[in-house]
Every structure is written in structure tokens, then in C-alpha cells.
Amino acid sequence: MSPLDHAVPRNSDLDAALVEARETYAAQRPQSAAIHARARTLMPGGNTRTVLFYTPFPTAMARGEGCRLWDVDGREYLDLLGEYTAGLFGHSERRILDAVKDALDRGINLAAVGEKEGQLASLIVGRFPSIEMVRFTNSGTEANLMALAAARGFTGRVKTMVMRGGYHGGVLTFATEANPVNVPIPLAFTDYNDPEAAMRDILAEGDALAAVLVEPMMGSGGCIPATREFLAALREATRRTGAVLIFDEVMTSRHSAGGLQARHGVIPDMTTLGKYMAGGMSFGAFGGRADIMGVFDGHRPGTLPHAGTFNNNVWSMAAGCVAMGEIFDAAAAEALYARGEALRLALNAACRRAGVAMQFTGMGSMVNVHFRLGPIERPYRQTDAEEGLRELFFLDMLAAGIYLARRGMAALSLPVTDADCARYVAVVEEFVATRRPLLAGP
């Protein structure tokens, strides 16, 4: 029997429902509240990573194992956040832990090249159609910055085109076109999933444009997949103008052994990658055509510098060789993709059965809730009601022992099972049933 058949609807007023949910949340987490109160005296906002901040205070976690988490107040959660895609292998993959321990036992920071960085480079070059040569960084943010530097150095141009609402790291965030945290680079904007506008805007920039930077599926923007037609339009327009097309696959590279570029058959000039490729360690990578990457070839005079103490740190290199070489092969990538596709279909079926204005977007193992009907093709400005519902959904999921992003995103890790997915569907069905008065229908 579905929860829709027997649940008793709760508050019919959103504000009242949020007050109740926040009070319940706070009452169940006194230790997290105390940790936050102490941290606020030393750190603005009480933490050091904005995406982990939410009110009344964030839940503090004590430990993790597999796809389970335990907070400092002893509450257990099914972890469906997966460290915003970086935690692909869960919290305790023994092969990765052993590789990291062995690397650290040999010395923490050797200030030298090592054999494993070449091995990891070979694994990455062998996976992605666009990558002929690759270099490493400490994060996806750095990878995107260095990819843009490569494009500027290669083309001799300075301007970058990004998507409205896009996100490519802490200093490349475009929810608005002007943001004081962003690096001061010349920018042009176009709309996501609008092939005609993208073609027009890129051609209008002409030979002023060094690069076009895009996620094949927006992650922070709400797990919104790009259409193949849109990506193909970007590919054609950049070919015509000579701009470098960069796919930010920090998140989406998990969707096949060769990322979404391989799944769509649209191959960019450069690709950026992120932490899961090193087992969740501090890691990023950028790579692409050999002629573009040649701007960093130290054997040539006048090439660009690329600094970074931990670009080839021993634990990330060791973990990456195991993660990419032994664990996350093509079969594992396809199985994870299929599990996520089945989950999203089940979640949307539950919303349709209930006749509520609620849906889940995404591809494969990434999914995000939205509280509106109709196609969602690009980022949008939420209404106050939608923002309230998203907070209520997050708090209700936590109360049920499901850990997600505050914005409603889930990213499955490899330890997540079909039974775990079924549990999430059941909890969402319970939410739909009990909060039905707040969820406007068609």
C-alpha cells in the first residue's frame, strides 16, 4: 500500500509547517546547535563552506561508513548527497583507504614528480574522447580556471561565454551576471538549452571569444540536462569562431566511462574533471587537444606556468589510480547510471499519481526536486513558496533519516543499493501524502 493511500495531511499553511519543522529539527540536534554557536564566535556564519550553511544551524556529522552517516547527536542517515558528486565511492571504500594509507606511509609531501601521476593521466586520457593530454589541480574550480587560462593562451583572446545560472566553482558562479566573488575576467552570457540564441550570441562575439564554458548538465542550477541539440549548436558555433569549447564535467563525467560527451557524441575541445576521480581526495583535472594543452609544455620556450603544491599530491594520485583503474570501470558507470534513471522515474511517477506540482529532474545518478509543473530547461528564479517548499522538503527528509543537499539535490554513490533507492521513494511518497495541501496541483 502506498503512503498516498493512508497518510494524514499535516499543516495546510506553509509558514506554520516550516515553523513546526524547524522547531523539531532544532530540538533533535542540541549538539549540532552547540557546535554551531561556538563556531559563530570564530567564523562568519559559523562555517567555512557556504553550500553547507542553512538555518537554524547545520547538522554536524561525526562519522560515515558506506552510504551511511551519523551526526553528533547520534542520528543515522542514508547519505544520498554523496558529497555533491565528489563522494562517488562512499565513506569507507577499503581499496581507496588502503591506497591512501600506503602512499602516506611512504611520505606526505615529496616535492617531486612520481610514477603514479603518469599512471592516472593515462587512465583519464583513455576514458574521455576530448582529452589527448591532461594536467592536475586541487579542485574542479581550479581545473576550470586553468582551462580558461589555456584557452586564452592558445587563442590570444580574453573573453569567455558562460550560461546564465551556471556554476563552475566558488569564483565562477553565475546565478547573476555580476558577482563580486568572481574572478575579474571579461564575460559574455547566453541562455542554457537555447540552441538558436547560443549560435547567434557566439557568432556575434566572433574573434573576441576565447572560450565557451558549459556543463552538459547543470548541477548547481538544479540538475538540468542539456539537450544534444544545444550542445551540438555550441560545438558548431565555436568551430566557426575558433573559440575553445570547454565541457565542465566535474559532476557529469560519472554518467558514463567517457562522461556525457561520450553519451551525447558531442566532443568539446577541453574537459574539466573533479574530486571523485581521485576517490574523493582534493583533486581536479583539465585536459583536451594536445595543441591547446601544449601551452603548458615546459620543454617549449614561453609556455604558461601552472603552479600548485598539491597538484600531484601522493594520496590523490594513489587513490585516483585505484578509483579509475580498479573500481569505476565502464560497467560500474553504466550500472550507476541505470540505478539513477530508475530512481528518477519512480520519484516522478509518485508525483504524477498524487497530482501535485512537484517533479525531479536530472540524468543518471544525479537528481533534483522542483516544486513546479512543466518542462524545466534552464535555471529560474524561485517564488517564495517554492523556496519554502524546498526547505520543508529538506527538513522532512532529514527527519526521515535521508541526507540531501539543502537545495534538494541527490547524487548516488556506489554503495547505494536498490533498497536504499526504494526507501527514498517511500519517504518522498510520505512527504507528498502528508504535505499534499501545500503542493498545488495542475
Protein backbone atom coordinates (compact mmCIF):
# COMPACT_ATOMS: atom_id res chain seq x y z
CA MET A 1 0.00 0.00 0.00
CA SER A 2 1.30 3.44 -0.91
CA PRO A 3 1.62 6.17 1.75
CA LEU A 4 -0.68 8.16 -0.51
CA ASP A 5 -3.49 5.82 0.49
CA HIS A 6 -3.40 6.33 4.24
CA ALA A 7 -1.34 9.37 5.27
CA VAL A 8 -2.99 12.13 7.27
CA PRO A 9 -2.27 15.55 5.75
CA ARG A 10 -0.45 17.97 8.07
CA ASN A 11 -0.35 21.77 8.14
CA SER A 12 -2.21 23.43 5.30
CA ASP A 13 -0.27 26.66 5.89
CA LEU A 14 3.33 26.69 4.61
CA ASP A 15 4.63 29.16 7.17
CA ALA A 16 3.18 27.14 10.03
CA ALA A 17 4.59 23.94 8.58
CA LEU A 18 8.06 25.48 8.36
CA VAL A 19 7.94 26.77 11.93
CA GLU A 20 7.00 23.31 13.17
CA ALA A 21 9.65 21.57 11.06
CA ARG A 22 12.40 23.96 12.19
CA GLU A 23 11.47 23.57 15.85
CA THR A 24 11.50 19.78 15.55
CA TYR A 25 14.82 19.88 13.73
CA ALA A 26 16.46 22.07 16.39
CA ALA A 27 15.06 20.09 19.33
CA GLN A 28 16.56 16.85 17.97
CA ARG A 29 20.08 18.26 17.47
CA PRO A 30 21.35 20.01 20.61
CA GLN A 31 24.98 19.05 20.00
CA SER A 32 24.92 20.42 16.44
CA ALA A 33 23.40 23.62 17.83
CA ALA A 34 26.19 23.93 20.37
CA ILE A 35 28.90 23.33 17.77
CA HIS A 36 27.37 26.00 15.55
CA ALA A 37 27.09 28.50 18.39
CA ARG A 38 30.79 28.10 19.25
CA ALA A 39 31.83 28.31 15.59
CA ARG A 40 29.88 31.55 15.08
CA THR A 41 32.20 33.33 17.53
CA LEU A 42 35.18 32.49 15.30
CA MET A 43 33.89 32.09 11.75
CA PRO A 44 31.40 34.30 9.88
CA GLY A 45 28.18 32.33 9.67
CA GLY A 46 29.71 29.58 11.80
CA ASN A 47 31.19 27.57 8.95
CA THR A 48 33.65 27.75 6.08
CA ARG A 49 31.73 26.35 3.11
CA THR A 50 28.63 28.22 2.02
CA VAL A 51 26.81 25.26 0.47
CA LEU A 52 26.80 23.55 3.90
CA PHE A 53 25.19 26.53 5.63
CA TYR A 54 21.48 26.58 6.37
CA THR A 55 19.27 27.81 9.18
CA PRO A 56 18.59 27.41 12.03
CA PHE A 57 22.02 25.69 12.03
CA PRO A 58 23.67 22.92 10.00
CA THR A 59 23.73 19.33 11.17
CA ALA A 60 27.26 18.37 12.25
CA MET A 61 28.32 14.89 11.20
CA ALA A 62 30.53 12.68 13.34
CA ARG A 63 31.36 9.79 11.00
CA GLY A 64 30.43 7.95 7.83
CA GLU A 65 30.55 4.39 6.57
CA GLY A 66 29.46 3.15 3.16
CA CYS A 67 26.47 5.35 2.30
CA ARG A 68 25.53 5.96 5.94
CA LEU A 69 26.23 8.99 8.14
CA TRP A 70 25.90 9.57 11.89
CA ASP A 71 25.59 13.05 13.34
CA VAL A 72 26.99 14.30 16.64
CA ASP A 73 23.60 13.73 18.30
CA GLY A 74 23.64 10.04 17.32
CA ARG A 75 21.10 10.19 14.48
CA GLU A 76 21.71 7.95 11.47
CA TYR A 77 21.12 8.95 7.83
CA LEU A 78 21.09 7.38 4.42
CA ASP A 79 23.59 9.59 2.59
CA LEU A 80 22.14 10.42 -0.81
CA LEU A 81 24.11 13.64 -1.13
CA GLY A 82 27.36 11.87 -1.98
CA GLU A 83 29.42 15.00 -1.25
CA TYR A 84 27.76 16.81 -4.18
CA THR A 85 29.04 14.03 -6.56
CA ALA A 86 32.62 14.04 -5.18
CA GLY A 87 31.85 11.14 -2.81
CA LEU A 88 31.20 8.57 -5.54
CA PHE A 89 32.84 5.74 -3.60
CA GLY A 90 31.11 6.33 -0.29
CA HIS A 91 32.84 6.88 3.01
CA SER A 92 34.83 3.69 3.51
CA GLU A 93 35.88 2.03 0.25
CA ARG A 94 38.65 -0.21 1.55
CA ARG A 95 40.73 -0.23 -1.64
CA ILE A 96 40.93 3.56 -1.67
CA LEU A 97 41.66 3.78 2.05
CA ASP A 98 44.46 1.22 1.69
CA ALA A 99 45.96 3.09 -1.28
CA VAL A 100 45.94 6.38 0.62
CA LYS A 101 47.46 4.83 3.74
CA ASP A 102 50.21 3.16 1.73
CA ALA A 103 51.01 6.44 -0.02
CA LEU A 104 51.16 8.38 3.24
CA ASP A 105 53.34 5.72 4.82
CA ARG A 106 55.91 6.49 2.11
CA GLY A 107 55.97 10.24 2.85
CA ILE A 108 53.43 13.03 2.89
CA ASN A 109 54.85 15.70 0.56
CA LEU A 110 57.82 14.76 -1.59
CA ALA A 111 58.15 17.95 -3.69
CA ALA A 112 58.83 15.83 -6.75
CA VAL A 113 57.14 14.07 -9.63
CA GLY A 114 56.08 10.47 -9.12
CA GLU A 115 55.18 7.46 -11.23
CA LYS A 116 51.51 7.41 -10.26
CA GLU A 117 50.70 10.80 -11.78
CA GLY A 118 51.57 9.43 -15.20
CA GLN A 119 49.54 6.32 -14.50
CA LEU A 120 46.49 8.37 -13.51
CA ALA A 121 46.94 10.60 -16.55
CA SER A 122 46.93 7.51 -18.77
CA LEU A 123 43.68 6.29 -17.20
CA ILE A 124 41.98 9.65 -17.75
CA VAL A 125 43.23 10.12 -21.32
CA GLY A 126 41.97 6.62 -22.09
CA ARG A 127 38.44 7.42 -20.92
CA PHE A 128 37.46 10.77 -22.42
CA PRO A 129 37.19 11.35 -26.17
CA SER A 130 38.23 15.01 -25.89
CA ILE A 131 41.32 14.51 -23.73
CA GLU A 132 44.60 13.92 -25.52
CA MET A 133 46.68 15.42 -22.73
CA VAL A 134 45.83 16.30 -19.13
CA ARG A 135 47.13 18.19 -16.10
CA PHE A 136 46.03 18.04 -12.46
CA THR A 137 44.78 20.60 -9.93
CA ASN A 138 43.32 20.52 -6.42
CA SER A 139 39.66 21.08 -7.28
CA GLY A 140 37.16 21.50 -10.08
CA THR A 141 37.26 25.24 -9.53
CA GLU A 142 40.98 25.32 -10.24
CA ALA A 143 40.51 22.99 -13.20
CA ASN A 144 38.06 25.42 -14.78
CA LEU A 145 40.30 28.41 -14.10
CA MET A 146 43.28 26.67 -15.71
CA ALA A 147 41.21 25.51 -18.67
CA LEU A 148 40.19 29.13 -19.27
CA ALA A 149 43.84 30.16 -18.98
CA ALA A 150 44.75 27.55 -21.58
CA ALA A 151 42.04 28.80 -23.93
CA ARG A 152 43.20 32.40 -23.55
CA GLY A 153 46.83 31.46 -24.05
CA PHE A 154 46.06 29.32 -27.09
CA THR A 155 43.71 31.73 -28.86
CA GLY A 156 45.29 35.02 -27.83
CA ARG A 157 41.79 36.19 -26.90
CA VAL A 158 40.35 37.10 -23.49
CA LYS A 159 36.56 36.78 -23.39
CA THR A 160 34.63 33.75 -22.05
CA MET A 161 30.98 32.92 -22.68
CA VAL A 162 29.05 31.22 -19.88
CA MET A 163 25.44 30.28 -19.28
CA ARG A 164 23.09 32.39 -17.18
CA GLY A 165 22.61 30.50 -13.92
CA GLY A 166 25.72 28.39 -14.46
CA TYR A 167 28.24 27.37 -11.82
CA HIS A 168 31.85 26.33 -12.34
CA GLY A 169 33.33 26.76 -8.86
CA GLY A 170 33.45 29.20 -6.00
CA VAL A 171 34.83 32.07 -8.11
CA LEU A 172 32.90 31.18 -11.28
CA THR A 173 29.28 31.36 -10.18
CA PHE A 174 26.70 32.97 -12.45
CA ALA A 175 23.34 32.96 -10.70
CA THR A 176 23.59 36.67 -11.51
CA GLU A 177 25.69 38.29 -14.20
CA ALA A 178 27.59 40.43 -11.67
CA ASN A 179 29.06 38.75 -8.60
CA PRO A 180 31.89 40.25 -6.52
CA VAL A 181 33.37 36.83 -5.66
CA ASN A 182 34.01 36.00 -9.31
CA VAL A 183 37.43 36.35 -10.89
CA PRO A 184 37.52 39.55 -12.97
CA ILE A 185 37.56 38.09 -16.48
CA PRO A 186 35.62 39.52 -19.45
CA LEU A 187 32.37 37.61 -19.83
CA ALA A 188 29.55 37.13 -22.29
CA PHE A 189 26.31 35.35 -21.43
CA THR A 190 23.78 33.21 -23.24
CA ASP A 191 20.81 31.08 -22.21
CA TYR A 192 21.12 27.39 -21.44
CA ASN A 193 19.31 24.97 -23.75
CA ASP A 194 18.55 27.62 -26.37
CA PRO A 195 20.44 26.48 -29.50
CA GLU A 196 19.37 29.41 -31.65
CA ALA A 197 20.34 32.02 -29.05
CA ALA A 198 23.67 30.31 -28.37
CA MET A 199 24.57 30.18 -32.06
CA ARG A 200 23.60 33.81 -32.50
CA ASP A 201 25.46 35.02 -29.40
CA ILE A 202 28.66 33.11 -30.11
CA LEU A 203 28.80 34.23 -33.73
CA ALA A 204 28.16 37.82 -32.62
CA GLU A 205 31.21 37.69 -30.34
CA GLY A 206 33.28 36.38 -33.25
CA ASP A 207 37.04 36.51 -32.80
CA ALA A 208 36.72 38.24 -29.40
CA LEU A 209 35.74 34.95 -27.78
CA ALA A 210 38.43 32.71 -26.29
CA ALA A 211 36.18 30.05 -24.76
CA VAL A 212 32.67 28.81 -24.14
CA LEU A 213 32.32 27.07 -20.76
CA VAL A 214 29.30 24.85 -20.11
CA GLU A 215 28.12 21.91 -18.01
CA PRO A 216 26.45 19.21 -20.15
CA MET A 217 24.02 19.01 -17.26
CA MET A 218 23.74 21.90 -14.84
CA GLY A 219 24.41 20.62 -11.33
CA SER A 220 24.07 23.60 -9.00
CA GLY A 221 21.44 25.03 -11.34
CA GLY A 222 19.07 22.16 -10.49
CA CYS A 223 20.25 19.02 -12.34
CA ILE A 224 19.03 20.35 -15.70
CA PRO A 225 20.32 18.27 -18.62
CA ALA A 226 21.43 19.99 -21.80
CA THR A 227 19.80 18.76 -24.96
CA ARG A 228 22.06 17.24 -27.57
CA GLU A 229 20.86 19.93 -29.98
CA PHE A 230 22.08 22.66 -27.65
CA LEU A 231 25.49 21.08 -27.19
CA ALA A 232 25.78 20.50 -30.93
CA ALA A 233 24.98 24.17 -31.54
CA LEU A 234 27.78 25.17 -29.16
CA ARG A 235 30.13 22.81 -30.98
CA GLU A 236 29.29 24.21 -34.41
CA ALA A 237 29.41 27.85 -33.35
CA THR A 238 32.78 27.52 -31.63
CA ARG A 239 34.21 25.74 -34.66
CA ARG A 240 33.17 28.69 -36.79
CA THR A 241 34.67 31.32 -34.49
CA GLY A 242 37.75 29.46 -33.28
CA ALA A 243 36.70 29.66 -29.63
CA VAL A 244 37.64 26.76 -27.36
CA LEU A 245 34.62 24.71 -26.25
CA ILE A 246 35.08 23.53 -22.65
CA PHE A 247 32.78 20.96 -21.05
CA ASP A 248 32.76 21.19 -17.26
CA GLU A 249 32.29 17.51 -16.46
CA VAL A 250 33.34 17.80 -12.83
CA MET A 251 29.94 16.31 -11.94
CA THR A 252 28.67 14.76 -15.17
CA SER A 253 31.72 12.66 -16.05
CA ARG A 254 30.24 9.94 -13.81
CA HIS A 255 27.40 9.36 -16.31
CA SER A 256 29.45 7.00 -18.48
CA ALA A 257 33.04 5.86 -18.69
CA GLY A 258 33.60 8.81 -21.04
CA GLY A 259 31.22 11.30 -19.45
CA LEU A 260 28.24 13.00 -21.04
CA GLN A 261 30.36 13.96 -24.05
CA ALA A 262 30.61 10.27 -24.92
CA ARG A 263 26.95 9.61 -24.17
CA HIS A 264 25.83 12.51 -26.40
CA GLY A 265 28.54 12.10 -29.03
CA VAL A 266 29.39 15.83 -28.86
CA ILE A 267 33.11 16.25 -28.26
CA PRO A 268 34.47 19.52 -26.82
CA ASP A 269 38.00 20.88 -27.21
CA MET A 270 38.67 20.66 -23.47
CA THR A 271 37.14 18.93 -20.42
CA THR A 272 37.40 19.63 -16.70
CA LEU A 273 37.07 16.96 -14.02
CA GLY A 274 36.77 16.78 -10.25
CA LYS A 275 37.39 15.03 -6.98
CA TYR A 276 35.60 11.70 -7.35
CA MET A 277 38.25 10.71 -9.91
CA ALA A 278 40.76 10.60 -7.04
CA GLY A 279 38.43 8.72 -4.74
CA GLY A 280 37.12 11.93 -3.14
CA MET A 281 40.54 13.38 -2.36
CA SER A 282 41.44 17.00 -3.19
CA PHE A 283 41.69 16.77 -6.96
CA GLY A 284 40.76 18.34 -10.25
CA ALA A 285 41.94 17.88 -13.82
CA PHE A 286 41.77 19.74 -17.09
CA GLY A 287 42.65 18.31 -20.45
CA GLY A 288 41.94 18.41 -24.12
CA ARG A 289 43.50 18.68 -27.53
CA ALA A 290 47.27 18.30 -27.50
CA ASP A 291 47.82 21.59 -29.34
CA ILE A 292 45.83 23.51 -26.72
CA MET A 293 47.43 21.75 -23.76
CA GLY A 294 50.82 22.45 -25.31
CA VAL A 295 50.65 25.97 -23.87
CA PHE A 296 51.86 24.36 -20.61
CA ASP A 297 54.69 22.27 -22.14
CA GLY A 298 57.80 23.26 -20.18
CA HIS A 299 60.05 21.92 -22.93
CA ARG A 300 58.96 24.82 -25.11
CA PRO A 301 60.05 28.43 -24.60
CA GLY A 302 57.48 30.95 -23.43
CA THR A 303 54.84 28.49 -22.22
CA LEU A 304 52.35 29.25 -19.45
CA PRO A 305 53.14 28.39 -15.81
CA HIS A 306 50.85 26.12 -13.84
CA ALA A 307 51.60 26.15 -10.11
CA GLY A 308 50.09 24.16 -7.25
CA THR A 309 51.86 22.48 -4.35
CA PHE A 310 49.37 19.64 -4.18
CA ASN A 311 48.58 19.19 -7.89
CA ASN A 312 50.27 15.78 -7.80
CA ASN A 313 49.99 15.03 -4.07
CA VAL A 314 50.74 11.44 -3.25
CA TRP A 315 47.38 10.47 -1.74
CA SER A 316 45.28 11.83 -4.60
CA MET A 317 47.50 10.16 -7.21
CA ALA A 318 47.40 6.83 -5.40
CA ALA A 319 43.67 6.95 -4.77
CA GLY A 320 42.97 8.04 -8.34
CA CYS A 321 44.84 5.09 -9.83
CA VAL A 322 42.70 2.71 -7.78
CA ALA A 323 39.43 4.61 -8.27
CA MET A 324 39.76 4.89 -12.05
CA GLY A 325 41.87 1.81 -12.67
CA GLU A 326 40.19 -0.79 -10.48
CA ILE A 327 36.74 0.34 -9.32
CA PHE A 328 34.84 2.75 -11.55
CA ASP A 329 35.05 1.00 -14.89
CA ALA A 330 32.55 1.19 -17.75
CA ALA A 331 30.30 -1.48 -16.26
CA ALA A 332 30.17 0.28 -12.88
CA ALA A 333 29.39 3.59 -14.58
CA GLU A 334 26.54 2.09 -16.59
CA ALA A 335 25.07 0.32 -13.55
CA LEU A 336 25.12 3.54 -11.53
CA TYR A 337 23.54 5.45 -14.42
CA ALA A 338 20.76 2.90 -14.73
CA ARG A 339 20.07 2.91 -10.98
CA GLY A 340 19.71 6.70 -11.01
CA GLU A 341 17.47 6.67 -14.06
CA ALA A 342 15.15 4.15 -12.39
CA LEU A 343 15.09 6.23 -9.20
CA ARG A 344 14.11 9.42 -11.02
CA LEU A 345 11.35 7.63 -12.95
CA ALA A 346 9.94 6.21 -9.70
CA LEU A 347 10.03 9.59 -7.97
CA ASN A 348 8.26 11.32 -10.83
CA ALA A 349 5.68 8.54 -11.03
CA ALA A 350 4.86 9.15 -7.35
CA CYS A 351 4.42 12.88 -8.02
CA ARG A 352 2.16 12.23 -11.01
CA ARG A 353 -0.01 9.77 -9.09
CA ALA A 354 -0.54 12.39 -6.41
CA GLY A 355 -1.32 15.12 -8.93
CA VAL A 356 0.99 17.65 -7.27
CA ALA A 357 3.20 20.41 -8.65
CA MET A 358 6.43 18.60 -7.91
CA GLN A 359 8.99 16.86 -10.12
CA PHE A 360 12.55 15.56 -10.20
CA THR A 361 15.00 16.49 -12.95
CA GLY A 362 18.39 15.03 -13.74
CA MET A 363 20.23 12.28 -15.53
CA GLY A 364 21.64 9.07 -14.19
CA SER A 365 22.78 9.24 -10.59
CA MET A 366 22.04 12.97 -10.11
CA VAL A 367 18.51 14.15 -9.32
CA ASN A 368 16.96 17.38 -8.02
CA VAL A 369 13.48 18.20 -6.74
CA HIS A 370 11.45 21.13 -8.14
CA PHE A 371 8.06 22.40 -6.99
CA ARG A 372 6.53 23.36 -10.32
CA LEU A 373 4.98 21.71 -13.36
CA GLY A 374 6.09 21.77 -16.98
CA PRO A 375 9.48 21.35 -18.64
CA ILE A 376 12.47 22.76 -16.77
CA GLU A 377 15.06 23.66 -19.39
CA ARG A 378 17.18 26.28 -17.64
CA PRO A 379 17.66 27.87 -14.18
CA TYR A 380 14.83 30.02 -12.92
CA ARG A 381 14.06 32.39 -10.07
CA GLN A 382 12.12 30.54 -7.38
CA THR A 383 9.00 32.01 -5.86
CA ASP A 384 8.88 32.43 -2.09
CA ALA A 385 6.50 29.46 -1.95
CA GLU A 386 8.89 27.27 -3.93
CA GLU A 387 11.77 28.22 -1.66
CA GLY A 388 9.66 27.41 1.39
CA LEU A 389 8.65 24.03 -0.03
CA ARG A 390 12.26 23.21 -0.81
CA GLU A 391 13.26 23.96 2.79
CA LEU A 392 10.34 21.92 4.10
CA PHE A 393 11.30 19.01 1.85
CA PHE A 394 14.87 19.15 3.14
CA LEU A 395 13.79 19.21 6.79
CA ASP A 396 11.27 16.40 6.29
CA MET A 397 13.90 14.28 4.57
CA LEU A 398 16.31 14.81 7.46
CA ALA A 399 13.57 13.88 9.92
CA ALA A 400 13.10 10.65 7.99
CA GLY A 401 16.85 9.91 8.00
CA ILE A 402 17.62 10.95 4.41
CA TYR A 403 20.57 13.30 3.89
CA LEU A 404 20.37 15.50 0.78
CA ALA A 405 21.61 18.90 -0.35
CA ARG A 406 19.65 21.80 1.08
CA ARG A 407 18.60 22.64 -2.50
CA GLY A 408 17.08 19.18 -2.90
CA MET A 409 19.81 17.50 -4.93
CA ALA A 410 20.81 13.88 -4.56
CA ALA A 411 23.94 12.26 -6.03
CA LEU A 412 24.08 8.50 -5.62
CA SER A 413 27.30 6.86 -4.52
CA LEU A 414 28.33 3.34 -5.48
CA PRO A 415 27.36 1.83 -2.10
CA VAL A 416 23.73 2.96 -2.56
CA THR A 417 21.54 -0.07 -3.30
CA ASP A 418 18.19 -0.58 -4.98
CA ALA A 419 16.71 -0.98 -1.50
CA ASP A 420 18.15 2.40 -0.49
CA CYS A 421 16.55 3.98 -3.56
CA ALA A 422 13.23 2.33 -2.72
CA ARG A 423 13.46 3.78 0.78
CA TYR A 424 13.93 7.27 -0.66
CA VAL A 425 10.93 6.82 -2.95
CA ALA A 426 8.81 5.72 0.02
CA VAL A 427 9.87 8.74 2.07
CA VAL A 428 9.06 11.07 -0.83
CA GLU A 429 5.65 9.41 -1.17
CA GLU A 430 5.09 10.06 2.53
CA PHE A 431 6.08 13.70 2.04
CA VAL A 432 3.69 14.07 -0.89
CA ALA A 433 0.87 12.49 1.09
CA THR A 434 1.31 14.43 4.30
CA ARG A 435 2.15 17.76 2.68
CA ARG A 436 -0.39 17.50 -0.14
CA PRO A 437 -2.33 20.62 0.96
CA LEU A 438 0.80 22.69 0.35
CA LEU A 439 1.59 21.22 -3.07
CA ALA A 440 -0.55 22.90 -5.69
CA GLY A 441 -1.79 20.59 -8.42
CA PRO A 442 -2.44 21.19 -12.11
